[in-house]
N, C-alpha and C. Protein backbone atom coordinates (compact mmCIF):
# COMPACT_ATOMS: atom_id res chain seq x y z
N UNK A 1 175.82 167.18 109.28
CA UNK A 1 174.64 167.83 108.72
C UNK A 1 173.60 166.75 108.43
N UNK A 2 172.35 167.09 108.66
CA UNK A 2 171.24 166.19 108.34
C UNK A 2 170.67 166.59 106.98
N UNK A 3 170.56 165.59 106.12
CA UNK A 3 170.11 165.82 104.74
C UNK A 3 168.90 164.95 104.46
N UNK A 4 167.86 165.54 103.88
CA UNK A 4 166.74 164.77 103.36
C UNK A 4 166.80 164.87 101.84
N UNK A 5 166.80 163.73 101.19
CA UNK A 5 166.90 163.66 99.74
C UNK A 5 165.57 163.13 99.21
N UNK A 6 164.86 163.97 98.50
CA UNK A 6 163.54 163.62 97.96
C UNK A 6 163.69 163.19 96.50
N UNK A 7 163.49 161.89 96.25
CA UNK A 7 163.58 161.35 94.90
C UNK A 7 162.21 161.41 94.24
N UNK A 8 162.15 162.06 93.08
CA UNK A 8 160.88 162.24 92.42
C UNK A 8 160.72 161.48 91.12
N UNK A 9 161.56 160.47 90.89
CA UNK A 9 161.46 159.72 89.64
C UNK A 9 160.65 158.44 89.80
N UNK A 10 159.71 158.20 88.89
CA UNK A 10 158.97 156.94 88.94
C UNK A 10 159.83 155.75 88.49
N UNK A 11 160.98 156.01 87.88
CA UNK A 11 161.91 154.96 87.47
C UNK A 11 162.93 154.73 88.58
N UNK A 12 162.78 153.63 89.30
CA UNK A 12 163.63 153.38 90.47
C UNK A 12 165.12 153.41 90.15
N UNK A 13 165.50 153.03 88.95
CA UNK A 13 166.91 153.08 88.54
C UNK A 13 167.13 154.12 87.45
N UNK A 14 166.29 155.15 87.47
CA UNK A 14 166.38 156.20 86.48
C UNK A 14 167.58 157.10 86.72
N UNK A 15 167.84 157.96 85.76
CA UNK A 15 169.02 158.83 85.80
C UNK A 15 169.04 159.76 87.00
N UNK A 16 167.90 160.35 87.35
CA UNK A 16 167.90 161.27 88.50
C UNK A 16 168.12 160.49 89.81
N UNK A 17 167.62 159.26 89.89
CA UNK A 17 167.86 158.47 91.09
C UNK A 17 169.33 158.05 91.18
N UNK A 18 169.98 157.80 90.04
CA UNK A 18 171.41 157.50 90.07
C UNK A 18 172.21 158.73 90.48
N UNK A 19 171.80 159.91 90.02
CA UNK A 19 172.43 161.15 90.50
C UNK A 19 172.28 161.27 92.01
N UNK A 20 171.07 160.97 92.50
CA UNK A 20 170.80 161.05 93.94
C UNK A 20 171.68 160.09 94.72
N UNK A 21 171.83 158.88 94.20
CA UNK A 21 172.66 157.89 94.90
C UNK A 21 174.12 158.33 94.95
N UNK A 22 174.61 158.92 93.88
CA UNK A 22 175.99 159.43 93.89
C UNK A 22 176.14 160.58 94.87
N UNK A 23 175.17 161.48 94.90
CA UNK A 23 175.21 162.58 95.86
C UNK A 23 175.24 162.02 97.29
N UNK A 24 174.36 161.05 97.57
CA UNK A 24 174.28 160.43 98.89
C UNK A 24 175.62 159.83 99.28
N UNK A 25 176.23 159.12 98.35
CA UNK A 25 177.52 158.48 98.62
C UNK A 25 178.56 159.52 99.03
N UNK A 26 178.64 160.61 98.27
CA UNK A 26 179.60 161.67 98.60
C UNK A 26 179.31 162.32 99.93
N UNK A 27 178.03 162.58 100.20
CA UNK A 27 177.64 163.23 101.46
C UNK A 27 177.92 162.33 102.66
N UNK A 28 177.61 161.04 102.53
CA UNK A 28 177.86 160.13 103.65
C UNK A 28 179.36 159.95 103.90
N UNK A 29 180.13 159.90 102.83
CA UNK A 29 181.59 159.80 103.00
C UNK A 29 182.15 161.04 103.68
N UNK A 30 181.47 162.18 103.53
CA UNK A 30 181.89 163.42 104.18
C UNK A 30 181.37 163.51 105.62
N UNK A 31 180.64 162.49 106.07
CA UNK A 31 180.18 162.44 107.45
C UNK A 31 178.76 162.93 107.69
N UNK A 32 178.03 163.21 106.64
CA UNK A 32 176.65 163.67 106.79
C UNK A 32 175.69 162.48 106.86
N UNK A 33 174.55 162.68 107.51
CA UNK A 33 173.51 161.65 107.50
C UNK A 33 172.50 162.03 106.41
N UNK A 34 172.10 161.02 105.64
CA UNK A 34 171.21 161.25 104.50
C UNK A 34 170.00 160.34 104.63
N UNK A 35 168.83 160.95 104.65
CA UNK A 35 167.57 160.22 104.64
C UNK A 35 166.99 160.32 103.24
N UNK A 36 166.93 159.18 102.52
CA UNK A 36 166.38 159.18 101.17
C UNK A 36 164.90 158.84 101.25
N UNK A 37 164.09 159.64 100.58
CA UNK A 37 162.65 159.41 100.54
C UNK A 37 162.23 159.32 99.07
N UNK A 38 161.70 158.17 98.71
CA UNK A 38 161.22 157.93 97.36
C UNK A 38 159.77 158.44 97.28
N UNK A 39 159.63 159.74 97.04
CA UNK A 39 158.28 160.33 97.02
C UNK A 39 157.48 159.87 95.81
N UNK A 40 158.16 159.42 94.76
CA UNK A 40 157.44 158.98 93.56
C UNK A 40 156.66 157.69 93.80
N UNK A 41 157.09 156.88 94.76
CA UNK A 41 156.42 155.62 95.04
C UNK A 41 155.72 155.62 96.40
N UNK A 42 155.71 156.75 97.04
CA UNK A 42 155.04 156.87 98.33
C UNK A 42 153.55 157.16 98.11
N UNK A 43 152.77 156.91 99.13
CA UNK A 43 151.34 157.22 99.10
C UNK A 43 151.17 158.66 99.60
N UNK A 44 151.25 159.58 98.67
CA UNK A 44 151.17 161.01 98.99
C UNK A 44 150.03 161.63 98.19
N UNK A 45 149.06 162.16 98.91
CA UNK A 45 147.93 162.83 98.26
C UNK A 45 148.28 164.29 97.99
N UNK A 46 147.70 164.88 96.99
CA UNK A 46 147.95 166.30 96.74
C UNK A 46 147.34 167.17 97.82
N UNK A 47 147.92 168.35 97.99
CA UNK A 47 147.36 169.33 98.92
C UNK A 47 145.96 169.69 98.44
N UNK A 48 145.03 169.76 99.38
CA UNK A 48 143.65 170.10 99.03
C UNK A 48 143.34 171.58 99.25
N UNK A 49 144.29 172.32 99.82
CA UNK A 49 144.07 173.73 100.07
C UNK A 49 143.06 174.00 101.17
N UNK A 50 142.89 173.04 102.07
CA UNK A 50 141.89 173.18 103.12
C UNK A 50 142.32 174.17 104.21
N UNK A 51 143.58 174.48 104.29
CA UNK A 51 144.17 175.40 105.27
C UNK A 51 143.84 174.95 106.70
N UNK A 52 143.83 173.66 106.94
CA UNK A 52 143.66 173.14 108.29
C UNK A 52 144.98 172.62 108.83
N UNK A 53 146.08 173.05 108.19
CA UNK A 53 147.41 172.63 108.62
C UNK A 53 147.59 172.94 110.10
N UNK A 54 148.20 172.02 110.82
CA UNK A 54 148.49 172.24 112.23
C UNK A 54 147.41 171.81 113.18
N UNK A 55 146.22 171.46 112.70
CA UNK A 55 145.13 171.07 113.59
C UNK A 55 145.24 169.61 114.04
N UNK A 56 145.64 168.74 113.13
CA UNK A 56 145.76 167.32 113.44
C UNK A 56 147.13 166.81 113.02
N UNK A 57 148.19 167.52 113.41
CA UNK A 57 149.54 167.26 112.93
C UNK A 57 149.88 168.34 111.93
N UNK A 58 150.99 168.18 111.23
CA UNK A 58 151.26 169.20 110.22
C UNK A 58 150.14 169.29 109.20
N UNK A 59 149.52 168.13 108.85
CA UNK A 59 148.48 168.10 107.83
C UNK A 59 147.37 167.17 108.28
N UNK A 60 146.13 167.49 107.92
CA UNK A 60 145.01 166.63 108.32
C UNK A 60 144.94 165.35 107.49
N UNK A 61 145.55 165.35 106.32
CA UNK A 61 145.57 164.13 105.52
C UNK A 61 146.53 163.13 106.16
N UNK A 62 146.15 161.91 106.19
CA UNK A 62 146.99 160.86 106.77
C UNK A 62 147.49 159.96 105.64
N UNK A 63 148.75 160.14 105.31
CA UNK A 63 149.39 159.35 104.27
C UNK A 63 150.89 159.30 104.58
N UNK A 64 151.69 158.97 103.61
CA UNK A 64 153.14 158.80 103.86
C UNK A 64 153.87 160.10 104.20
N UNK A 65 153.23 161.23 104.02
CA UNK A 65 153.86 162.49 104.43
C UNK A 65 154.09 162.52 105.94
N UNK A 66 153.26 161.80 106.70
CA UNK A 66 153.44 161.77 108.16
C UNK A 66 154.83 161.28 108.54
N UNK A 67 155.39 160.37 107.77
CA UNK A 67 156.74 159.87 108.04
C UNK A 67 157.82 160.82 107.50
N UNK A 68 157.47 161.66 106.55
CA UNK A 68 158.44 162.57 105.93
C UNK A 68 158.60 163.85 106.75
N UNK A 69 157.52 164.35 107.33
CA UNK A 69 157.58 165.63 108.06
C UNK A 69 158.69 165.69 109.10
N UNK A 70 158.86 164.69 109.98
CA UNK A 70 159.92 164.80 110.99
C UNK A 70 161.32 164.91 110.38
N UNK A 71 161.57 164.15 109.30
CA UNK A 71 162.88 164.23 108.64
C UNK A 71 163.09 165.59 107.99
N UNK A 72 162.03 166.12 107.41
CA UNK A 72 162.11 167.44 106.79
C UNK A 72 162.38 168.52 107.85
N UNK A 73 161.67 168.45 108.95
CA UNK A 73 161.85 169.47 110.00
C UNK A 73 163.27 169.43 110.56
N UNK A 74 163.85 168.23 110.71
CA UNK A 74 165.19 168.08 111.28
C UNK A 74 166.30 168.37 110.28
N UNK A 75 166.01 168.34 109.01
CA UNK A 75 167.05 168.46 107.99
C UNK A 75 167.62 169.86 107.92
N UNK A 76 168.93 169.90 107.68
CA UNK A 76 169.61 171.16 107.40
C UNK A 76 169.60 171.45 105.90
N UNK A 77 169.59 170.36 105.11
CA UNK A 77 169.67 170.46 103.66
C UNK A 77 168.60 169.59 103.03
N UNK A 78 167.92 170.14 102.02
CA UNK A 78 166.92 169.41 101.25
C UNK A 78 167.48 169.22 99.84
N UNK A 79 167.50 167.97 99.37
CA UNK A 79 167.95 167.67 98.01
C UNK A 79 166.73 167.28 97.20
N UNK A 80 166.53 167.96 96.09
CA UNK A 80 165.45 167.66 95.17
C UNK A 80 166.05 166.93 93.98
N UNK A 81 165.71 165.66 93.81
CA UNK A 81 166.22 164.85 92.69
C UNK A 81 165.04 164.50 91.80
N UNK A 82 165.10 164.95 90.55
CA UNK A 82 163.94 164.78 89.69
C UNK A 82 164.34 164.69 88.22
N UNK A 83 163.58 163.91 87.47
CA UNK A 83 163.68 164.04 86.02
C UNK A 83 162.94 165.32 85.61
N UNK A 84 163.33 165.86 84.48
CA UNK A 84 162.61 167.02 83.98
C UNK A 84 161.33 166.56 83.29
N UNK A 85 160.21 167.07 83.76
CA UNK A 85 158.92 166.80 83.13
C UNK A 85 158.35 168.14 82.69
N UNK A 86 158.21 168.32 81.42
CA UNK A 86 157.68 169.57 80.87
C UNK A 86 158.35 170.79 81.49
N UNK A 87 159.67 170.78 81.52
CA UNK A 87 160.53 171.87 81.95
C UNK A 87 160.30 172.26 83.40
N UNK A 88 160.06 171.25 84.23
CA UNK A 88 159.88 171.47 85.66
C UNK A 88 160.21 170.19 86.40
N UNK A 89 159.93 170.20 87.70
CA UNK A 89 160.07 169.01 88.52
C UNK A 89 159.01 167.99 88.13
N UNK A 90 159.24 166.73 88.47
CA UNK A 90 158.20 165.73 88.24
C UNK A 90 156.98 166.07 89.09
N UNK A 91 155.82 165.65 88.64
CA UNK A 91 154.59 165.88 89.40
C UNK A 91 154.63 165.21 90.76
N UNK A 92 155.29 164.06 90.84
CA UNK A 92 155.38 163.33 92.11
C UNK A 92 156.16 164.15 93.15
N UNK A 93 157.28 164.74 92.72
CA UNK A 93 158.07 165.55 93.64
C UNK A 93 157.35 166.85 93.99
N UNK A 94 156.73 167.46 93.00
CA UNK A 94 156.01 168.71 93.25
C UNK A 94 154.86 168.49 94.22
N UNK A 95 154.16 167.37 94.09
CA UNK A 95 153.06 167.04 95.00
C UNK A 95 153.56 166.95 96.45
N UNK A 96 154.65 166.24 96.66
CA UNK A 96 155.21 166.11 98.01
C UNK A 96 155.71 167.46 98.52
N UNK A 97 156.38 168.22 97.65
CA UNK A 97 156.91 169.50 98.08
C UNK A 97 155.79 170.46 98.47
N UNK A 98 154.70 170.45 97.72
CA UNK A 98 153.55 171.30 98.06
C UNK A 98 153.05 171.00 99.47
N UNK A 99 153.07 169.75 99.85
CA UNK A 99 152.57 169.35 101.16
C UNK A 99 153.49 169.81 102.29
N UNK A 100 154.73 170.19 101.99
CA UNK A 100 155.62 170.71 103.03
C UNK A 100 155.15 172.06 103.56
N UNK A 101 154.25 172.69 102.83
CA UNK A 101 153.64 173.95 103.28
C UNK A 101 153.04 173.79 104.68
N UNK A 102 152.55 172.61 104.97
CA UNK A 102 151.90 172.37 106.27
C UNK A 102 152.86 172.60 107.43
N UNK A 103 154.15 172.42 107.22
CA UNK A 103 155.13 172.65 108.29
C UNK A 103 155.23 174.14 108.58
N UNK A 104 155.19 174.97 107.55
CA UNK A 104 155.22 176.43 107.76
C UNK A 104 154.00 176.87 108.55
N UNK A 105 152.88 176.22 108.33
CA UNK A 105 151.65 176.58 109.03
C UNK A 105 151.72 176.30 110.54
N UNK A 106 152.69 175.50 110.97
CA UNK A 106 152.85 175.22 112.40
C UNK A 106 153.48 176.39 113.14
N UNK A 107 154.13 177.27 112.42
CA UNK A 107 154.78 178.44 113.01
C UNK A 107 153.77 179.56 113.20
N UNK A 108 153.79 180.24 114.35
CA UNK A 108 152.85 181.36 114.55
C UNK A 108 152.96 182.44 113.47
N UNK A 109 154.17 182.60 112.90
CA UNK A 109 154.35 183.61 111.86
C UNK A 109 154.24 183.02 110.45
N UNK A 110 153.89 181.73 110.38
CA UNK A 110 153.76 181.01 109.11
C UNK A 110 155.08 181.02 108.33
N UNK A 111 156.16 181.02 109.05
CA UNK A 111 157.48 181.05 108.41
C UNK A 111 157.90 179.64 107.99
N UNK A 112 158.44 179.54 106.81
CA UNK A 112 159.02 178.28 106.36
C UNK A 112 160.32 178.05 107.12
N UNK A 113 160.59 176.81 107.49
CA UNK A 113 161.89 176.55 108.11
C UNK A 113 162.99 176.86 107.10
N UNK A 114 164.06 177.48 107.57
CA UNK A 114 165.15 177.87 106.68
C UNK A 114 166.05 176.66 106.44
N UNK A 115 166.30 176.37 105.19
CA UNK A 115 167.09 175.21 104.78
C UNK A 115 168.10 175.61 103.71
N UNK A 116 169.07 174.74 103.52
CA UNK A 116 169.92 174.78 102.35
C UNK A 116 169.30 173.81 101.35
N UNK A 117 169.63 173.96 100.06
CA UNK A 117 168.99 173.13 99.05
C UNK A 117 169.94 172.81 97.91
N UNK A 118 169.73 171.62 97.33
CA UNK A 118 170.46 171.16 96.15
C UNK A 118 169.43 170.64 95.16
N UNK A 119 169.70 170.85 93.88
CA UNK A 119 168.85 170.31 92.82
C UNK A 119 169.68 169.36 91.95
N UNK A 120 169.16 168.15 91.77
CA UNK A 120 169.75 167.16 90.87
C UNK A 120 168.70 166.85 89.82
N UNK A 121 169.01 167.07 88.54
CA UNK A 121 167.99 166.87 87.52
C UNK A 121 168.56 166.23 86.27
N UNK A 122 167.89 165.18 85.83
CA UNK A 122 168.20 164.54 84.56
C UNK A 122 167.14 164.93 83.54
N UNK A 123 167.56 165.00 82.29
CA UNK A 123 166.63 165.40 81.23
C UNK A 123 167.09 164.84 79.89
N UNK A 124 166.18 164.82 78.94
CA UNK A 124 166.53 164.43 77.59
C UNK A 124 167.35 165.53 76.91
N UNK A 125 166.85 166.76 76.98
CA UNK A 125 167.54 167.88 76.35
C UNK A 125 168.83 168.22 77.08
N UNK A 126 169.80 168.74 76.33
CA UNK A 126 171.11 168.99 76.91
C UNK A 126 171.66 170.37 76.55
N UNK A 127 170.78 171.36 76.61
CA UNK A 127 171.22 172.72 76.30
C UNK A 127 170.90 173.63 77.49
N UNK A 128 171.57 174.74 77.53
CA UNK A 128 171.29 175.73 78.58
C UNK A 128 169.84 176.18 78.53
N UNK A 129 169.33 176.40 77.32
CA UNK A 129 167.94 176.87 77.20
C UNK A 129 166.95 175.80 77.66
N UNK A 130 167.30 174.52 77.54
CA UNK A 130 166.43 173.46 78.02
C UNK A 130 166.24 173.54 79.52
N UNK A 131 167.30 173.87 80.24
CA UNK A 131 167.24 173.91 81.70
C UNK A 131 166.81 175.27 82.26
N UNK A 132 166.70 176.29 81.40
CA UNK A 132 166.38 177.64 81.87
C UNK A 132 165.06 177.71 82.66
N UNK A 133 163.96 177.11 82.21
CA UNK A 133 162.72 177.19 83.01
C UNK A 133 162.87 176.58 84.40
N UNK A 134 163.61 175.47 84.49
CA UNK A 134 163.84 174.83 85.79
C UNK A 134 164.71 175.72 86.67
N UNK A 135 165.76 176.26 86.08
CA UNK A 135 166.66 177.15 86.82
C UNK A 135 165.88 178.33 87.39
N UNK A 136 165.02 178.92 86.57
CA UNK A 136 164.22 180.06 87.01
C UNK A 136 163.29 179.66 88.17
N UNK A 137 162.58 178.54 88.00
CA UNK A 137 161.66 178.07 89.05
C UNK A 137 162.41 177.78 90.34
N UNK A 138 163.52 177.05 90.24
CA UNK A 138 164.29 176.67 91.42
C UNK A 138 164.78 177.89 92.19
N UNK A 139 165.36 178.83 91.49
CA UNK A 139 165.87 180.03 92.17
C UNK A 139 164.75 180.91 92.72
N UNK A 140 163.64 181.00 92.01
CA UNK A 140 162.49 181.75 92.52
C UNK A 140 161.92 181.08 93.78
N UNK A 141 161.83 179.75 93.76
CA UNK A 141 161.35 179.01 94.92
C UNK A 141 162.25 179.26 96.14
N UNK A 142 163.55 179.14 95.94
CA UNK A 142 164.48 179.34 97.06
C UNK A 142 164.43 180.77 97.58
N UNK A 143 164.29 181.72 96.69
CA UNK A 143 164.19 183.12 97.10
C UNK A 143 162.96 183.33 97.99
N UNK A 144 161.83 182.77 97.58
CA UNK A 144 160.59 182.94 98.36
C UNK A 144 160.67 182.23 99.71
N UNK A 145 161.34 181.08 99.74
CA UNK A 145 161.46 180.31 100.98
C UNK A 145 162.56 180.86 101.90
N UNK A 146 163.45 181.64 101.35
CA UNK A 146 164.59 182.13 102.13
C UNK A 146 165.67 181.06 102.28
N UNK A 147 165.73 180.13 101.34
CA UNK A 147 166.70 179.04 101.38
C UNK A 147 167.95 179.40 100.58
N UNK A 148 169.04 178.70 100.91
CA UNK A 148 170.32 178.91 100.24
C UNK A 148 170.56 177.79 99.23
N UNK A 149 170.93 178.15 98.01
CA UNK A 149 171.29 177.17 96.99
C UNK A 149 172.71 176.69 97.26
N UNK A 150 172.87 175.38 97.40
CA UNK A 150 174.19 174.80 97.64
C UNK A 150 174.73 174.06 96.42
N UNK A 151 174.00 174.09 95.32
CA UNK A 151 174.51 173.47 94.11
C UNK A 151 173.44 172.81 93.28
N UNK A 152 173.76 172.70 92.00
CA UNK A 152 172.86 172.09 91.01
C UNK A 152 173.68 171.19 90.11
N UNK A 153 173.13 170.03 89.80
CA UNK A 153 173.70 169.18 88.77
C UNK A 153 172.60 168.93 87.75
N UNK A 154 172.84 169.44 86.53
CA UNK A 154 171.95 169.17 85.41
C UNK A 154 172.61 168.10 84.56
N UNK A 155 171.87 167.06 84.25
CA UNK A 155 172.40 165.96 83.44
C UNK A 155 171.50 165.77 82.23
N UNK A 156 171.84 166.41 81.13
CA UNK A 156 171.08 166.29 79.91
C UNK A 156 171.54 165.10 79.08
N UNK A 157 170.75 164.79 78.06
CA UNK A 157 171.09 163.69 77.16
C UNK A 157 170.72 162.32 77.71
N UNK A 158 169.73 162.28 78.59
CA UNK A 158 169.34 161.04 79.25
C UNK A 158 167.85 160.78 79.06
N UNK A 159 167.51 160.12 77.97
CA UNK A 159 166.11 159.85 77.69
C UNK A 159 165.64 158.55 78.34
N UNK A 160 166.47 157.53 78.30
CA UNK A 160 166.05 156.21 78.77
C UNK A 160 166.77 155.82 80.06
N UNK A 161 166.13 154.93 80.82
CA UNK A 161 166.74 154.41 82.05
C UNK A 161 168.11 153.85 81.70
N UNK A 162 169.12 154.28 82.44
CA UNK A 162 170.47 153.79 82.24
C UNK A 162 171.33 154.64 81.33
N UNK A 163 170.73 155.61 80.63
CA UNK A 163 171.51 156.46 79.72
C UNK A 163 172.62 157.22 80.42
N UNK A 164 172.46 157.48 81.69
CA UNK A 164 173.44 158.30 82.41
C UNK A 164 174.70 157.52 82.81
N UNK A 165 174.66 156.22 82.72
CA UNK A 165 175.80 155.39 83.14
C UNK A 165 177.09 155.87 82.49
N UNK A 166 178.11 156.08 83.32
CA UNK A 166 179.41 156.49 82.84
C UNK A 166 179.57 157.96 82.51
N UNK A 167 178.54 158.75 82.69
CA UNK A 167 178.62 160.18 82.36
C UNK A 167 179.21 160.97 83.53
N UNK A 168 179.89 162.08 83.23
CA UNK A 168 180.58 162.86 84.27
C UNK A 168 179.66 163.48 85.31
N UNK A 169 178.37 163.63 85.01
CA UNK A 169 177.46 164.23 85.98
C UNK A 169 177.30 163.37 87.23
N UNK A 170 177.52 162.06 87.11
CA UNK A 170 177.47 161.19 88.29
C UNK A 170 178.61 161.54 89.25
N UNK A 171 179.80 161.74 88.71
CA UNK A 171 180.94 162.17 89.54
C UNK A 171 180.71 163.56 90.09
N UNK A 172 180.10 164.42 89.29
CA UNK A 172 179.79 165.79 89.74
C UNK A 172 178.82 165.76 90.93
N UNK A 173 177.82 164.87 90.87
CA UNK A 173 176.86 164.75 91.97
C UNK A 173 177.55 164.23 93.23
N UNK A 174 178.43 163.25 93.07
CA UNK A 174 179.15 162.73 94.23
C UNK A 174 180.06 163.80 94.84
N UNK A 175 180.75 164.54 94.00
CA UNK A 175 181.62 165.62 94.48
C UNK A 175 180.81 166.70 95.18
N UNK A 176 179.63 167.01 94.65
CA UNK A 176 178.78 168.00 95.30
C UNK A 176 178.37 167.51 96.69
N UNK A 177 177.97 166.24 96.80
CA UNK A 177 177.62 165.68 98.10
C UNK A 177 178.77 165.76 99.08
N UNK A 178 179.98 165.48 98.60
CA UNK A 178 181.17 165.51 99.46
C UNK A 178 181.56 166.93 99.87
N UNK A 179 181.15 167.92 99.06
CA UNK A 179 181.55 169.31 99.33
C UNK A 179 180.63 170.05 100.29
N UNK A 180 179.50 169.46 100.61
CA UNK A 180 178.52 170.15 101.46
C UNK A 180 179.12 170.40 102.84
N UNK A 181 178.98 171.63 103.31
CA UNK A 181 179.49 172.02 104.64
C UNK A 181 178.40 172.68 105.43
């Protein structure tokens, strides 16, 4: 299986990136290929809503998304790895994800490519109610896209870089990566 893993944390060694690395390790050990894209440090401009998708490539803007589109189109599974920012994905990940709309515009029926998806999220809060807005958004997004949820790892109690070290969610992320079929 081809997997694209979109890292949305501005902290290169942050908790969500460590979750992503554990997921990658499990997936690669299971024989999958994983393309990691650090969207938080990429040169990605926000969607301008110009609706000129497909005229000069997937998008008329020329930035690091040009290198991401081919991996996204080929991927069977999309992994969203993000810290929780105001009960949602990081702005960096959301910006890149919004730009994936341009790929749907390449289809005559404007259909989004059908994918499987995983969510890996670290957060300070560690309660079910803390993750509820993210859970709602994630499932609503997948429903609209027609994508299949293949698993979620929520890792609460992680405010500072490195807080996740030694926590069971790292093993959970690796096991999830290894379980993908």
